[in-house]
Amino acid sequence: MHLEKVTSLDSIKTGDTLIITGDTLKNKPVKVYAVKVSPADGTEIIISKQKNSFFNLGMYLEGKSWVKDVMILK
């Protein structure tokens, strides 16, 4: 297994396991529930629909997200 840095809007797929560092998560492995792409919201990575836990991938790539670092566990 290795970690792959997220560098583009199409890097993350449904079912991927991510290692996220941010305001509320600290290097905790999480499974991607869904990837939602819409013209209004851009690309959202949904971690938990039940807890309404998600982040906007475009905002992360621009450095404007609560998520500070995302790696894909491969």
PDB file of N, CA and C in Angstrom:
ATOM      1  N   MET A   1       0.832  -1.191   0.000  1.00  0.00           N
ATOM      2  CA  MET A   1       0.000   0.000   0.000  1.00  0.00           C
ATOM      3  C   MET A   1       0.871   1.247   0.000  1.00  0.00           C
ATOM      4  N   HIS A   2       0.334   2.285  -0.609  1.00  0.00           N
ATOM      5  CA  HIS A   2       1.032   3.567  -0.617  1.00  0.00           C
ATOM      6  C   HIS A   2       0.011   4.704  -0.619  1.00  0.00           C
ATOM      7  N   LEU A   3       0.473   5.910  -0.346  1.00  0.00           N
ATOM      8  CA  LEU A   3      -0.380   7.094  -0.350  1.00  0.00           C
ATOM      9  C   LEU A   3      -0.133   7.893  -1.614  1.00  0.00           C
ATOM     10  N   GLU A   4      -1.224   8.353  -2.221  1.00  0.00           N
ATOM     11  CA  GLU A   4      -1.138   9.146  -3.448  1.00  0.00           C
ATOM     12  C   GLU A   4      -1.770  10.509  -3.184  1.00  0.00           C
ATOM     13  N   LYS A   5      -1.034  11.569  -3.444  1.00  0.00           N
ATOM     14  CA  LYS A   5      -1.534  12.933  -3.218  1.00  0.00           C
ATOM     15  C   LYS A   5      -2.637  13.265  -4.229  1.00  0.00           C
ATOM     16  N   VAL A   6      -3.658  13.939  -3.769  1.00  0.00           N
ATOM     17  CA  VAL A   6      -4.763  14.374  -4.628  1.00  0.00           C
ATOM     18  C   VAL A   6      -4.346  15.673  -5.310  1.00  0.00           C
ATOM     19  N   THR A   7      -4.349  15.659  -6.652  1.00  0.00           N
ATOM     20  CA  THR A   7      -3.878  16.828  -7.389  1.00  0.00           C
ATOM     21  C   THR A   7      -4.857  17.337  -8.444  1.00  0.00           C
ATOM     22  N   SER A   8      -5.966  16.608  -8.670  1.00  0.00           N
ATOM     23  CA  SER A   8      -6.917  17.044  -9.699  1.00  0.00           C
ATOM     24  C   SER A   8      -8.345  16.700  -9.299  1.00  0.00           C
ATOM     25  N   LEU A   9      -9.306  17.297  -9.998  1.00  0.00           N
ATOM     26  CA  LEU A   9     -10.720  17.102  -9.690  1.00  0.00           C
ATOM     27  C   LEU A   9     -11.197  15.669  -9.932  1.00  0.00           C
ATOM     28  N   ASP A  10     -10.497  14.915 -10.749  1.00  0.00           N
ATOM     29  CA  ASP A  10     -10.936  13.539 -11.021  1.00  0.00           C
ATOM     30  C   ASP A  10     -10.086  12.483 -10.309  1.00  0.00           C
ATOM     31  N   SER A  11      -9.317  12.886  -9.309  1.00  0.00           N
ATOM     32  CA  SER A  11      -8.446  11.962  -8.579  1.00  0.00           C
ATOM     33  C   SER A  11      -9.208  10.994  -7.681  1.00  0.00           C
ATOM     34  N   ILE A  12     -10.320  11.447  -7.097  1.00  0.00           N
ATOM     35  CA  ILE A  12     -11.035  10.661  -6.088  1.00  0.00           C
ATOM     36  C   ILE A  12     -12.261  10.005  -6.701  1.00  0.00           C
ATOM     37  N   LYS A  13     -12.447   8.731  -6.385  1.00  0.00           N
ATOM     38  CA  LYS A  13     -13.587   7.948  -6.874  1.00  0.00           C
ATOM     39  C   LYS A  13     -14.386   7.424  -5.680  1.00  0.00           C
ATOM     40  N   THR A  14     -15.672   7.130  -5.888  1.00  0.00           N
ATOM     41  CA  THR A  14     -16.500   6.510  -4.865  1.00  0.00           C
ATOM     42  C   THR A  14     -15.858   5.204  -4.417  1.00  0.00           C
ATOM     43  N   GLY A  15     -15.780   5.002  -3.111  1.00  0.00           N
ATOM     44  CA  GLY A  15     -15.189   3.791  -2.561  1.00  0.00           C
ATOM     45  C   GLY A  15     -13.722   3.922  -2.190  1.00  0.00           C
ATOM     46  N   ASP A  16     -13.045   4.986  -2.644  1.00  0.00           N
ATOM     47  CA  ASP A  16     -11.645   5.199  -2.275  1.00  0.00           C
ATOM     48  C   ASP A  16     -11.530   5.395  -0.762  1.00  0.00           C
ATOM     49  N   THR A  17     -10.393   5.012  -0.211  1.00  0.00           N
ATOM     50  CA  THR A  17     -10.089   5.303   1.191  1.00  0.00           C
ATOM     51  C   THR A  17      -9.129   6.485   1.218  1.00  0.00           C
ATOM     52  N   LEU A  18      -9.515   7.521   1.959  1.00  0.00           N
ATOM     53  CA  LEU A  18      -8.725   8.746   2.038  1.00  0.00           C
ATOM     54  C   LEU A  18      -8.127   8.901   3.425  1.00  0.00           C
ATOM     55  N   ILE A  19      -6.977   9.523   3.486  1.00  0.00           N
ATOM     56  CA  ILE A  19      -6.389   9.975   4.740  1.00  0.00           C
ATOM     57  C   ILE A  19      -6.491  11.501   4.691  1.00  0.00           C
ATOM     58  N   ILE A  20      -7.325  12.053   5.585  1.00  0.00           N
ATOM     59  CA  ILE A  20      -7.608  13.492   5.575  1.00  0.00           C
ATOM     60  C   ILE A  20      -7.042  14.152   6.824  1.00  0.00           C
ATOM     61  N   THR A  21      -6.401  15.289   6.633  1.00  0.00           N
ATOM     62  CA  THR A  21      -5.989  16.140   7.741  1.00  0.00           C
ATOM     63  C   THR A  21      -6.733  17.456   7.566  1.00  0.00           C
ATOM     64  N   GLY A  22      -7.418  17.874   8.620  1.00  0.00           N
ATOM     65  CA  GLY A  22      -8.170  19.120   8.549  1.00  0.00           C
ATOM     66  C   GLY A  22      -8.597  19.561   9.926  1.00  0.00           C
ATOM     67  N   ASP A  23      -9.546  20.498   9.977  1.00  0.00           N
ATOM     68  CA  ASP A  23     -10.003  21.052  11.243  1.00  0.00           C
ATOM     69  C   ASP A  23     -10.653  20.005  12.144  1.00  0.00           C
ATOM     70  N   THR A  24     -11.388  19.045  11.563  1.00  0.00           N
ATOM     71  CA  THR A  24     -12.115  18.075  12.382  1.00  0.00           C
ATOM     72  C   THR A  24     -11.568  16.650  12.278  1.00  0.00           C
ATOM     73  N   LEU A  25     -10.754  16.369  11.294  1.00  0.00           N
ATOM     74  CA  LEU A  25     -10.172  15.035  11.134  1.00  0.00           C
ATOM     75  C   LEU A  25      -8.659  15.137  11.157  1.00  0.00           C
ATOM     76  N   LYS A  26      -8.019  14.225  11.843  1.00  0.00           N
ATOM     77  CA  LYS A  26      -6.558  14.228  11.931  1.00  0.00           C
ATOM     78  C   LYS A  26      -6.020  12.871  11.496  1.00  0.00           C
ATOM     79  N   ASN A  27      -5.672  12.746  10.231  1.00  0.00           N
ATOM     80  CA  ASN A  27      -5.062  11.538   9.678  1.00  0.00           C
ATOM     81  C   ASN A  27      -5.891  10.279   9.924  1.00  0.00           C
ATOM     82  N   LYS A  28      -7.200  10.417   9.907  1.00  0.00           N
ATOM     83  CA  LYS A  28      -8.082   9.282  10.112  1.00  0.00           C
ATOM     84  C   LYS A  28      -8.506   8.729   8.752  1.00  0.00           C
ATOM     85  N   PRO A  29      -8.363   7.415   8.530  1.00  0.00           N
ATOM     86  CA  PRO A  29      -8.814   6.847   7.256  1.00  0.00           C
ATOM     87  C   PRO A  29     -10.340   6.926   7.145  1.00  0.00           C
ATOM     88  N   VAL A  30     -10.831   7.419   6.026  1.00  0.00           N
ATOM     89  CA  VAL A  30     -12.273   7.490   5.774  1.00  0.00           C
ATOM     90  C   VAL A  30     -12.567   6.960   4.380  1.00  0.00           C
ATOM     91  N   LYS A  31     -13.702   6.311   4.227  1.00  0.00           N
ATOM     92  CA  LYS A  31     -14.137   5.761   2.950  1.00  0.00           C
ATOM     93  C   LYS A  31     -15.037   6.782   2.268  1.00  0.00           C
ATOM     94  N   VAL A  32     -14.849   6.997   0.969  1.00  0.00           N
ATOM     95  CA  VAL A  32     -15.666   7.941   0.207  1.00  0.00           C
ATOM     96  C   VAL A  32     -17.019   7.293  -0.073  1.00  0.00           C
ATOM     97  N   TYR A  33     -18.082   7.912   0.427  1.00  0.00           N
ATOM     98  CA  TYR A  33     -19.441   7.423   0.206  1.00  0.00           C
ATOM     99  C   TYR A  33     -19.875   7.711  -1.227  1.00  0.00           C
ATOM    100  N   ALA A  34     -19.611   8.925  -1.692  1.00  0.00           N
ATOM    101  CA  ALA A  34     -20.009   9.324  -3.044  1.00  0.00           C
ATOM    102  C   ALA A  34     -19.212  10.531  -3.495  1.00  0.00           C
ATOM    103  N   VAL A  35     -19.118  10.685  -4.813  1.00  0.00           N
ATOM    104  CA  VAL A  35     -18.534  11.879  -5.426  1.00  0.00           C
ATOM    105  C   VAL A  35     -19.665  12.549  -6.183  1.00  0.00           C
ATOM    106  N   LYS A  36     -20.010  13.763  -5.786  1.00  0.00           N
ATOM    107  CA  LYS A  36     -21.120  14.492  -6.401  1.00  0.00           C
ATOM    108  C   LYS A  36     -20.564  15.662  -7.202  1.00  0.00           C
ATOM    109  N   VAL A  37     -20.910  15.709  -8.477  1.00  0.00           N
ATOM    110  CA  VAL A  37     -20.464  16.802  -9.338  1.00  0.00           C
ATOM    111  C   VAL A  37     -21.703  17.551  -9.823  1.00  0.00           C
ATOM    112  N   SER A  38     -21.722  18.861  -9.560  1.00  0.00           N
ATOM    113  CA  SER A  38     -22.833  19.683 -10.030  1.00  0.00           C
ATOM    114  C   SER A  38     -22.300  21.032 -10.502  1.00  0.00           C
ATOM    115  N   PRO A  39     -22.992  21.648 -11.474  1.00  0.00           N
ATOM    116  CA  PRO A  39     -22.542  22.953 -11.972  1.00  0.00           C
ATOM    117  C   PRO A  39     -22.518  24.029 -10.877  1.00  0.00           C
ATOM    118  N   ALA A  40     -23.446  23.963  -9.947  1.00  0.00           N
ATOM    119  CA  ALA A  40     -23.532  24.994  -8.904  1.00  0.00           C
ATOM    120  C   ALA A  40     -22.494  24.794  -7.803  1.00  0.00           C
ATOM    121  N   ASP A  41     -22.277  23.543  -7.379  1.00  0.00           N
ATOM    122  CA  ASP A  41     -21.415  23.276  -6.232  1.00  0.00           C
ATOM    123  C   ASP A  41     -20.033  22.749  -6.594  1.00  0.00           C
ATOM    124  N   GLY A  42     -19.819  22.359  -7.810  1.00  0.00           N
ATOM    125  CA  GLY A  42     -18.533  21.779  -8.191  1.00  0.00           C
ATOM    126  C   GLY A  42     -18.461  20.322  -7.773  1.00  0.00           C
ATOM    127  N   THR A  43     -17.273  19.853  -7.433  1.00  0.00           N
ATOM    128  CA  THR A  43     -17.063  18.455  -7.051  1.00  0.00           C
ATOM    129  C   THR A  43     -17.022  18.343  -5.536  1.00  0.00           C
ATOM    130  N   GLU A  44     -17.996  17.623  -4.989  1.00  0.00           N
ATOM    131  CA  GLU A  44     -18.057  17.419  -3.549  1.00  0.00           C
ATOM    132  C   GLU A  44     -17.740  15.970  -3.234  1.00  0.00           C
ATOM    133  N   ILE A  45     -16.907  15.756  -2.248  1.00  0.00           N
ATOM    134  CA  ILE A  45     -16.549  14.426  -1.783  1.00  0.00           C
ATOM    135  C   ILE A  45     -17.371  14.173  -0.523  1.00  0.00           C
ATOM    136  N   ILE A  46     -18.318  13.243  -0.615  1.00  0.00           N
ATOM    137  CA  ILE A  46     -19.202  12.951   0.509  1.00  0.00           C
ATOM    138  C   ILE A  46     -18.616  11.782   1.289  1.00  0.00           C
ATOM    139  N   ILE A  47     -18.305  12.045   2.548  1.00  0.00           N
ATOM    140  CA  ILE A  47     -17.710  11.043   3.423  1.00  0.00           C
ATOM    141  C   ILE A  47     -18.809  10.288   4.167  1.00  0.00           C
ATOM    142  N   SER A  48     -19.780  11.017   4.692  1.00  0.00           N
ATOM    143  CA  SER A  48     -20.901  10.399   5.407  1.00  0.00           C
ATOM    144  C   SER A  48     -22.159  11.198   5.122  1.00  0.00           C
ATOM    145  N   LYS A  49     -23.110  10.568   4.456  1.00  0.00           N
ATOM    146  CA  LYS A  49     -24.380  11.226   4.175  1.00  0.00           C
ATOM    147  C   LYS A  49     -25.165  11.426   5.473  1.00  0.00           C
ATOM    148  N   GLN A  50     -25.096  10.438   6.364  1.00  0.00           N
ATOM    149  CA  GLN A  50     -25.813  10.477   7.634  1.00  0.00           C
ATOM    150  C   GLN A  50     -25.350  11.648   8.514  1.00  0.00           C
ATOM    151  N   LYS A  51     -24.035  11.896   8.540  1.00  0.00           N
ATOM    152  CA  LYS A  51     -23.475  12.973   9.369  1.00  0.00           C
ATOM    153  C   LYS A  51     -23.293  14.274   8.599  1.00  0.00           C
ATOM    154  N   ASN A  52     -23.687  14.293   7.316  1.00  0.00           N
ATOM    155  CA  ASN A  52     -23.496  15.447   6.445  1.00  0.00           C
ATOM    156  C   ASN A  52     -22.028  15.877   6.424  1.00  0.00           C
ATOM    157  N   SER A  53     -21.145  14.906   6.287  1.00  0.00           N
ATOM    158  CA  SER A  53     -19.707  15.157   6.277  1.00  0.00           C
ATOM    159  C   SER A  53     -19.195  15.112   4.841  1.00  0.00           C
ATOM    160  N   PHE A  54     -18.679  16.237   4.377  1.00  0.00           N
ATOM    161  CA  PHE A  54     -18.199  16.338   2.999  1.00  0.00           C
ATOM    162  C   PHE A  54     -17.196  17.469   2.887  1.00  0.00           C
ATOM    163  N   PHE A  55     -16.518  17.514   1.741  1.00  0.00           N
ATOM    164  CA  PHE A  55     -15.699  18.681   1.422  1.00  0.00           C
ATOM    165  C   PHE A  55     -15.736  18.909  -0.071  1.00  0.00           C
ATOM    166  N   ASN A  56     -15.489  20.150  -0.461  1.00  0.00           N
ATOM    167  CA  ASN A  56     -15.477  20.533  -1.867  1.00  0.00           C
ATOM    168  C   ASN A  56     -14.050  20.363  -2.383  1.00  0.00           C
ATOM    169  N   LEU A  57     -13.887  19.495  -3.364  1.00  0.00           N
ATOM    170  CA  LEU A  57     -12.554  19.182  -3.874  1.00  0.00           C
ATOM    171  C   LEU A  57     -11.902  20.388  -4.555  1.00  0.00           C
ATOM    172  N   GLY A  58     -12.671  21.159  -5.293  1.00  0.00           N
ATOM    173  CA  GLY A  58     -12.127  22.356  -5.935  1.00  0.00           C
ATOM    174  C   GLY A  58     -11.598  23.357  -4.920  1.00  0.00           C
ATOM    175  N   MET A  59     -12.338  23.552  -3.835  1.00  0.00           N
ATOM    176  CA  MET A  59     -11.891  24.466  -2.778  1.00  0.00           C
ATOM    177  C   MET A  59     -10.626  23.938  -2.112  1.00  0.00           C
ATOM    178  N   TYR A  60     -10.544  22.608  -1.904  1.00  0.00           N
ATOM    179  CA  TYR A  60      -9.328  22.023  -1.331  1.00  0.00           C
ATOM    180  C   TYR A  60      -8.128  22.298  -2.235  1.00  0.00           C
ATOM    181  N   LEU A  61      -8.290  22.072  -3.535  1.00  0.00           N
ATOM    182  CA  LEU A  61      -7.184  22.275  -4.475  1.00  0.00           C
ATOM    183  C   LEU A  61      -6.745  23.737  -4.538  1.00  0.00           C
ATOM    184  N   GLU A  62      -7.675  24.665  -4.247  1.00  0.00           N
ATOM    185  CA  GLU A  62      -7.351  26.098  -4.223  1.00  0.00           C
ATOM    186  C   GLU A  62      -6.833  26.556  -2.858  1.00  0.00           C
ATOM    187  N   GLY A  63      -6.816  25.656  -1.861  1.00  0.00           N
ATOM    188  CA  GLY A  63      -6.362  26.016  -0.519  1.00  0.00           C
ATOM    189  C   GLY A  63      -7.389  26.766   0.298  1.00  0.00           C
ATOM    190  N   LYS A  64      -8.694  26.616  -0.041  1.00  0.00           N
ATOM    191  CA  LYS A  64      -9.756  27.364   0.635  1.00  0.00           C
ATOM    192  C   LYS A  64     -10.714  26.461   1.411  1.00  0.00           C
ATOM    193  N   SER A  65     -10.323  25.244   1.725  1.00  0.00           N
ATOM    194  CA  SER A  65     -11.193  24.269   2.372  1.00  0.00           C
ATOM    195  C   SER A  65     -10.788  24.026   3.820  1.00  0.00           C
ATOM    196  N   TRP A  66     -11.712  23.467   4.610  1.00  0.00           N
ATOM    197  CA  TRP A  66     -11.368  23.039   5.969  1.00  0.00           C
ATOM    198  C   TRP A  66     -10.389  21.875   5.926  1.00  0.00           C
ATOM    199  N   VAL A  67     -10.366  21.176   4.797  1.00  0.00           N
ATOM    200  CA  VAL A  67      -9.420  20.067   4.595  1.00  0.00           C
ATOM    201  C   VAL A  67      -8.067  20.656   4.223  1.00  0.00           C
ATOM    202  N   LYS A  68      -7.049  20.282   4.971  1.00  0.00           N
ATOM    203  CA  LYS A  68      -5.702  20.816   4.723  1.00  0.00           C
ATOM    204  C   LYS A  68      -4.857  19.894   3.857  1.00  0.00           C
ATOM    205  N   ASP A  69      -5.076  18.563   3.968  1.00  0.00           N
ATOM    206  CA  ASP A  69      -4.315  17.610   3.178  1.00  0.00           C
ATOM    207  C   ASP A  69      -5.162  16.366   2.941  1.00  0.00           C
ATOM    208  N   VAL A  70      -5.126  15.845   1.712  1.00  0.00           N
ATOM    209  CA  VAL A  70      -5.860  14.625   1.351  1.00  0.00           C
ATOM    210  C   VAL A  70      -4.922  13.707   0.592  1.00  0.00           C
ATOM    211  N   MET A  71      -4.867  12.459   1.048  1.00  0.00           N
ATOM    212  CA  MET A  71      -4.089  11.425   0.365  1.00  0.00           C
ATOM    213  C   MET A  71      -5.030  10.239   0.126  1.00  0.00           C
ATOM    214  N   ILE A  72      -4.837   9.556  -1.007  1.00  0.00           N
ATOM    215  CA  ILE A  72      -5.614   8.359  -1.310  1.00  0.00           C
ATOM    216  C   ILE A  72      -4.771   7.154  -0.930  1.00  0.00           C
ATOM    217  N   LEU A  73      -5.349   6.255  -0.146  1.00  0.00           N
ATOM    218  CA  LEU A  73      -4.674   5.027   0.242  1.00  0.00           C
ATOM    219  C   LEU A  73      -4.870   4.014  -0.890  1.00  0.00           C
ATOM    220  N   LYS A  74      -3.804   3.648  -1.560  1.00  0.00           N
ATOM    221  CA  LYS A  74      -3.869   2.717  -2.699  1.00  0.00           C
ATOM    222  C   LYS A  74      -3.290   1.378  -2.324  1.00  0.00           C
TER     223      LYS A  74
END
